[in-house]
Every structure is written in C-alpha cells, then in structure tokens.
Protein backbone atom coordinates (compact mmCIF):
# COMPACT_ATOMS: atom_id res chain seq x y z
CA UNK A 1 110.78 96.58 83.87
CA UNK A 2 109.79 94.05 86.56
CA UNK A 3 110.56 90.50 85.46
CA UNK A 4 108.04 88.05 86.90
CA UNK A 5 108.00 84.27 87.34
CA UNK A 6 104.59 82.73 88.13
CA UNK A 7 104.41 79.72 90.44
CA UNK A 8 101.16 77.86 89.89
CA UNK A 9 100.91 79.11 86.32
CA UNK A 10 98.78 76.11 85.27
CA UNK A 11 96.11 76.81 87.91
CA UNK A 12 92.97 78.92 87.56
CA UNK A 13 94.45 82.06 89.14
CA UNK A 14 97.95 81.41 87.80
CA UNK A 15 96.75 81.39 84.20
CA UNK A 16 95.13 84.79 84.74
CA UNK A 17 98.39 86.10 86.20
CA UNK A 18 100.39 84.95 83.18
CA UNK A 19 98.05 86.52 80.66
CA UNK A 20 96.87 89.56 82.63
CA UNK A 21 100.18 90.82 84.01
CA UNK A 22 101.50 90.92 80.45
CA UNK A 23 99.14 93.86 79.84
CA UNK A 24 101.01 96.05 82.34
CA UNK A 25 103.73 98.05 80.52
CA UNK A 26 106.19 97.82 83.42
CA UNK A 27 105.79 94.06 83.94
CA UNK A 28 107.21 91.21 81.87
CA UNK A 29 106.30 87.59 82.61
CA UNK A 30 109.47 85.61 81.85
CA UNK A 31 108.19 82.15 82.77
CA UNK A 32 106.09 79.99 85.00
CA UNK A 33 105.64 76.47 86.27
CA UNK A 34 103.01 74.20 87.76
CA UNK A 35 103.10 71.56 90.46
CA UNK A 36 105.43 69.10 88.74
CA UNK A 37 109.11 69.51 89.68
CA UNK A 38 108.36 72.98 91.03
CA UNK A 39 111.55 73.61 93.02
CA UNK A 40 113.77 72.58 90.12
CA UNK A 41 111.77 74.75 87.74
CA UNK A 42 112.13 77.67 90.12
CA UNK A 43 115.90 77.17 90.27
CA UNK A 44 116.07 77.08 86.46
CA UNK A 45 114.03 80.25 85.97
CA UNK A 46 115.30 82.29 88.94
CA UNK A 47 118.23 83.99 87.10
CA UNK A 48 115.76 85.46 84.59
CA UNK A 49 113.39 87.04 87.12
CA UNK A 50 113.06 89.72 89.78
CA UNK A 51 109.87 88.62 91.58
CA UNK A 52 108.13 85.28 92.13
CA UNK A 53 104.33 85.53 92.03
CA UNK A 54 102.92 82.56 93.93
CA UNK A 55 99.42 81.13 93.65
CA UNK A 56 100.05 77.49 94.57
CA UNK A 57 98.98 75.54 97.67
CA UNK A 58 99.45 75.94 101.39
CA UNK A 59 101.65 72.84 101.41
CA UNK A 60 103.95 73.92 98.57
CA UNK A 61 104.18 77.69 98.99
CA UNK A 62 106.46 78.02 102.08
CA UNK A 63 109.29 75.99 100.51
CA UNK A 64 108.93 77.81 97.19
CA UNK A 65 108.93 81.26 98.78
CA UNK A 66 111.95 80.54 100.97
CA UNK A 67 113.82 79.04 98.01
CA UNK A 68 112.95 82.07 95.87
CA UNK A 69 114.45 84.40 98.48
CA UNK A 70 117.59 82.27 98.44
CA UNK A 71 117.82 82.69 94.68
CA UNK A 72 117.61 86.48 95.05
CA UNK A 73 113.94 86.94 94.16
CA UNK A 74 111.38 89.12 95.86
CA UNK A 75 108.06 87.33 96.44
CA UNK A 76 104.35 88.11 96.10
CA UNK A 77 102.00 85.38 97.34
CA UNK A 78 98.23 85.03 97.34
CA UNK A 79 98.23 81.38 98.39
CA UNK A 80 95.69 80.76 101.13
CA UNK A 81 96.14 78.42 104.05
CA UNK A 82 99.58 79.62 105.16
CA UNK A 83 100.04 79.28 108.92
CA UNK A 84 101.62 81.96 111.07
CA UNK A 85 104.65 79.71 111.47
CA UNK A 86 105.00 79.47 107.69
CA UNK A 87 104.73 83.24 107.31
CA UNK A 88 107.38 83.77 110.01
CA UNK A 89 109.64 81.30 108.19
CA UNK A 90 109.24 83.18 104.90
CA UNK A 91 109.87 86.50 106.65
CA UNK A 92 113.10 85.14 108.14
CA UNK A 93 114.31 83.91 104.74
CA UNK A 94 113.57 87.29 103.15
CA UNK A 95 115.46 89.14 105.87
CA UNK A 96 118.37 86.73 105.56
CA UNK A 97 118.69 87.42 101.84
CA UNK A 98 117.64 91.10 102.00
CA UNK A 99 114.56 90.63 99.83
CA UNK A 100 111.00 91.91 100.11
CA UNK A 101 107.73 90.04 100.09
CA UNK A 102 103.97 90.51 100.28
CA UNK A 103 101.45 87.87 101.33
CA UNK A 104 97.76 88.70 101.21
CA UNK A 105 94.67 86.61 101.81
CA UNK A 106 92.95 88.63 99.08
CA UNK A 107 94.61 90.66 96.31
CA UNK A 108 91.42 92.36 95.11
CA UNK A 109 91.48 96.07 95.95
CA UNK A 110 87.82 95.86 96.97
CA UNK A 111 88.56 92.80 99.10
CA UNK A 112 91.23 94.70 101.01
CA UNK A 113 88.79 97.58 101.52
CA UNK A 114 86.12 95.15 102.77
CA UNK A 115 88.53 93.74 105.37
CA UNK A 116 89.56 97.26 106.41
CA UNK A 117 85.95 98.43 106.80
CA UNK A 118 85.24 95.28 108.84
CA UNK A 119 88.05 96.15 111.25
CA UNK A 120 86.62 99.65 111.67
CA UNK A 121 83.08 98.31 112.24
CA UNK A 122 84.31 95.75 114.78
CA UNK A 123 85.19 98.58 117.19
CA UNK A 124 81.57 99.71 117.38
CA UNK A 125 79.27 96.73 116.73
CA UNK A 126 78.44 93.94 119.18
CA UNK A 127 78.73 90.76 117.10
CA UNK A 128 79.85 89.59 113.67
CA UNK A 129 79.49 86.68 111.27
CA UNK A 130 81.05 86.02 107.86
CA UNK A 131 79.43 84.40 104.84
CA UNK A 132 81.82 83.48 102.03
CA UNK A 133 80.55 82.16 98.69
CA UNK A 134 82.78 80.49 96.10
CA UNK A 135 82.64 78.28 93.03
CA UNK A 136 82.21 74.55 93.52
CA UNK A 137 85.82 73.77 92.48
CA UNK A 138 87.41 75.60 95.43
CA UNK A 139 89.31 73.02 97.46
CA UNK A 140 89.43 74.70 100.89
CA UNK A 141 86.76 75.89 103.29
CA UNK A 142 86.52 78.37 104.84
CA UNK A 143 88.40 80.63 102.46
CA UNK A 144 91.62 82.29 103.54
CA UNK A 145 89.94 85.67 103.25
CA UNK A 146 87.14 84.64 105.62
CA UNK A 147 89.55 83.28 108.21
CA UNK A 148 91.73 86.38 108.03
CA UNK A 149 88.69 88.65 108.30
CA UNK A 150 87.54 86.83 111.45
CA UNK A 151 91.05 87.03 112.94
CA UNK A 152 91.22 90.76 112.17
CA UNK A 153 87.84 91.38 113.81
CA UNK A 154 88.91 89.52 116.94
CA UNK A 155 92.26 91.33 117.05
CA UNK A 156 90.51 94.69 116.75
CA UNK A 157 88.35 93.79 119.75
CA UNK A 158 91.35 92.30 121.61
CA UNK A 159 89.33 89.22 122.52
CA UNK A 160 86.65 86.78 121.41
CA UNK A 161 83.32 88.21 120.31
CA UNK A 162 80.15 86.92 122.00
CA UNK A 163 78.96 83.71 120.36
CA UNK A 164 75.28 83.09 121.25
CA UNK A 165 74.75 79.66 122.79
CA UNK A 166 72.61 77.19 120.87
CA UNK A 167 70.08 75.62 123.26
CA UNK A 168 69.01 72.81 120.94
CA UNK A 169 70.67 71.61 117.72
CA UNK A 170 68.15 70.48 115.13
CA UNK A 171 71.02 69.92 112.69
CA UNK A 172 74.58 69.71 113.98
CA UNK A 173 76.97 72.21 112.38
CA UNK A 174 74.28 74.55 111.11
CA UNK A 175 75.91 77.51 112.85
CA UNK A 176 79.10 77.07 110.81
CA UNK A 177 82.71 77.22 111.99
CA UNK A 178 83.90 79.68 114.63
CA UNK A 179 87.06 81.77 114.81
CA UNK A 180 87.44 84.03 117.83
CA UNK A 181 83.70 84.26 118.37
CA UNK A 182 83.06 85.07 114.70
CA UNK A 183 80.97 82.45 112.90
CA UNK A 184 82.03 81.61 109.32
CA UNK A 185 79.64 80.06 106.79
CA UNK A 186 80.95 78.63 103.49
CA UNK A 187 78.85 78.31 100.33
CA UNK A 188 80.12 76.26 97.35
CA UNK A 189 77.99 76.44 94.22
CA UNK A 190 78.50 76.55 90.45
CA UNK A 191 78.04 80.05 89.09
CA UNK A 192 79.83 81.86 91.90
CA UNK A 193 83.40 83.12 91.70
CA UNK A 194 84.60 84.71 94.97
CA UNK A 195 82.27 86.66 97.25
CA UNK A 196 82.17 87.59 100.93
CA UNK A 197 79.70 89.35 103.19
CA UNK A 198 80.52 90.43 106.73
CA UNK A 199 77.44 90.90 108.91
CA UNK A 200 77.55 92.99 112.07
CA UNK A 201 74.75 93.26 114.60
CA UNK A 202 74.00 95.55 117.53
CA UNK A 203 70.83 96.43 119.37
CA UNK A 204 68.26 97.66 116.85
CA UNK A 205 70.58 97.62 113.82
CA UNK A 206 72.63 95.55 111.42
CA UNK A 207 75.51 96.43 109.10
CA UNK A 208 76.47 94.46 105.98
CA UNK A 209 79.81 94.83 104.17
CA UNK A 210 80.09 92.84 100.95
CA UNK A 211 82.65 92.36 98.21
CA UNK A 212 82.13 90.47 94.94
CA UNK A 213 85.04 89.44 92.74
CA UNK A 214 83.26 88.66 89.50
CA UNK A 215 86.37 87.22 87.86
CA UNK A 216 89.95 86.36 88.74
CA UNK A 217 91.05 89.47 86.84
CA UNK A 218 90.03 91.35 90.01
CA UNK A 219 93.34 90.30 91.61
CA UNK A 220 95.57 91.80 88.92
CA UNK A 221 95.69 95.47 90.09
CA UNK A 222 96.56 94.38 93.63
CA UNK A 223 99.29 92.03 92.43
CA UNK A 224 100.68 94.76 90.18
CA UNK A 225 100.77 97.15 93.15
CA UNK A 226 102.66 94.56 95.19
CA UNK A 227 105.14 93.92 92.36
CA UNK A 228 106.06 97.59 92.30
CA UNK A 229 106.44 97.84 96.07
CA UNK A 230 108.36 94.70 97.09
CA UNK A 231 111.75 95.78 95.65
CA UNK A 232 111.65 98.78 98.01
CA UNK A 233 111.33 96.65 101.15
CA UNK A 234 113.01 93.91 103.17
CA UNK A 235 110.98 91.22 104.91
CA UNK A 236 107.38 90.06 104.57
CA UNK A 237 104.39 92.38 104.59
CA UNK A 238 101.07 90.70 105.33
CA UNK A 239 98.00 92.22 103.76
CA UNK A 240 97.45 94.34 100.69
CA UNK A 241 95.95 97.00 102.94
CA UNK A 242 99.42 97.90 104.24
CA UNK A 243 100.53 98.85 100.73
CA UNK A 244 97.31 100.82 100.27
CA UNK A 245 98.00 102.89 103.38
CA UNK A 246 94.93 101.61 105.24
CA UNK A 247 95.09 101.57 109.02
CA UNK A 248 92.38 100.60 111.50
C-alpha cells in the first residue's frame, strides 16, 4: 500500500487527486493540505506517508519538495513553472536523502505521447508552432506543457528552429511568444479544460499532433504510475515519458 499526502489538496487538480487516487487499490490518501501553513502541515503529516503528490505553485513547490525529501518522503510533482535551477535543487535533496522523485509538465498519458511524437517529428519537419488552449481560470501562460514541448523540439534539433521574420506588424504580439524558434500561442476561454496542438510544417505538407484532456481525471493514471515507480529510484526523473519507456 502506497501512502500518499497531497500538497495543494484544496486546488482544482489537488481535489481530483484526493478523490481519484482513493479508487486505486494499492494507494491510500492519508492527508492533504492547501496553501495555508503548508510547510508545517507537511511536517505534521510526513510520518504517516510514503509519497508527497504536489500540485501547488511554482513559488511554493521547490521548498515543499525539498522538505518532503528531508522528512523521508518520495515526491511526485505536476506543478508547472519550475525552473531548471529549482529542479536541480530538488534532485540534490532527493539524492542527499536517498529518495526518488518524478516531475512532469503533463501527467496525462496522452500528453506524454503527444510530447514524444513531437520530438520524433522535429527531426524531420522544418518548422513548428504550439497552440495551447485552457480554461479561463488558468493563472499562467504559456502552459508548462507548451514550454516543455518547445524546449524538447529545440533540443531534438540541437538549435533554434527557423522563425520567419515579420515584415510589418499590424498588431504587436500577434505571433505569440517564442521559445527556441518555436512560437507558442495561448488561448484562455471558458469551456476548455487542457488542450494542446503541435503544428509542424515542411515544403508541401503539414503535420498536426493534438492532445485533449477533457477533465482533470486524465492525470490520475500517470500519477498512479509515478507513485509505483518512485520508491524504486533515487533522484529526480523529469517527464512521465521516461517511466513509460519512450525515447526519441
């Protein structure tokens, strides 16, 4: 039985983790906490758990994850907005305390496949852009998944992709943000949940790779997979695709 503590349990994704993980026969949610007094709540609950599941904020998560490792917990985090420095810090804390961790920009199985297929396509197509569409309550833009997808595409190509020059702006910013030559466009509208389309173009052809998470329940199988794997490892794994055995 894997005993789980949920950080961010009062948030939209956290509430789904608390209720949904309870349906897995090998998982038991022993407690959770929200933003208020989070580090003290973690310290109080830590002796009862094996793994901290974190869906908080980019500002709060690094301290929580490092503290969890110090209390002897493995960690699974889907919090977006973590810098490379923050991830390195968490990895160091996990190694220090001989604990395992997984951080992923997207815990949906289909989302991990989308990012994998995008890395494969990047080797053969000339240019790429990302369109991510989310509900109007999402606080960050672009999404962590979109940024990570663009970074992965650039890394696969080992350099920036060509970004066509705009000769005349009729509306500044209409081409979206840019990460390594990959343009990212963010849509925020009521009715959406979490969706992303990666568009590739080459001479005479286009390729579209799209994933739609129709509800936050889509993240549960990926989180459950991570919960089963982290006790077998030491240090931080980045990306659900690693646990799925996907390689570019």
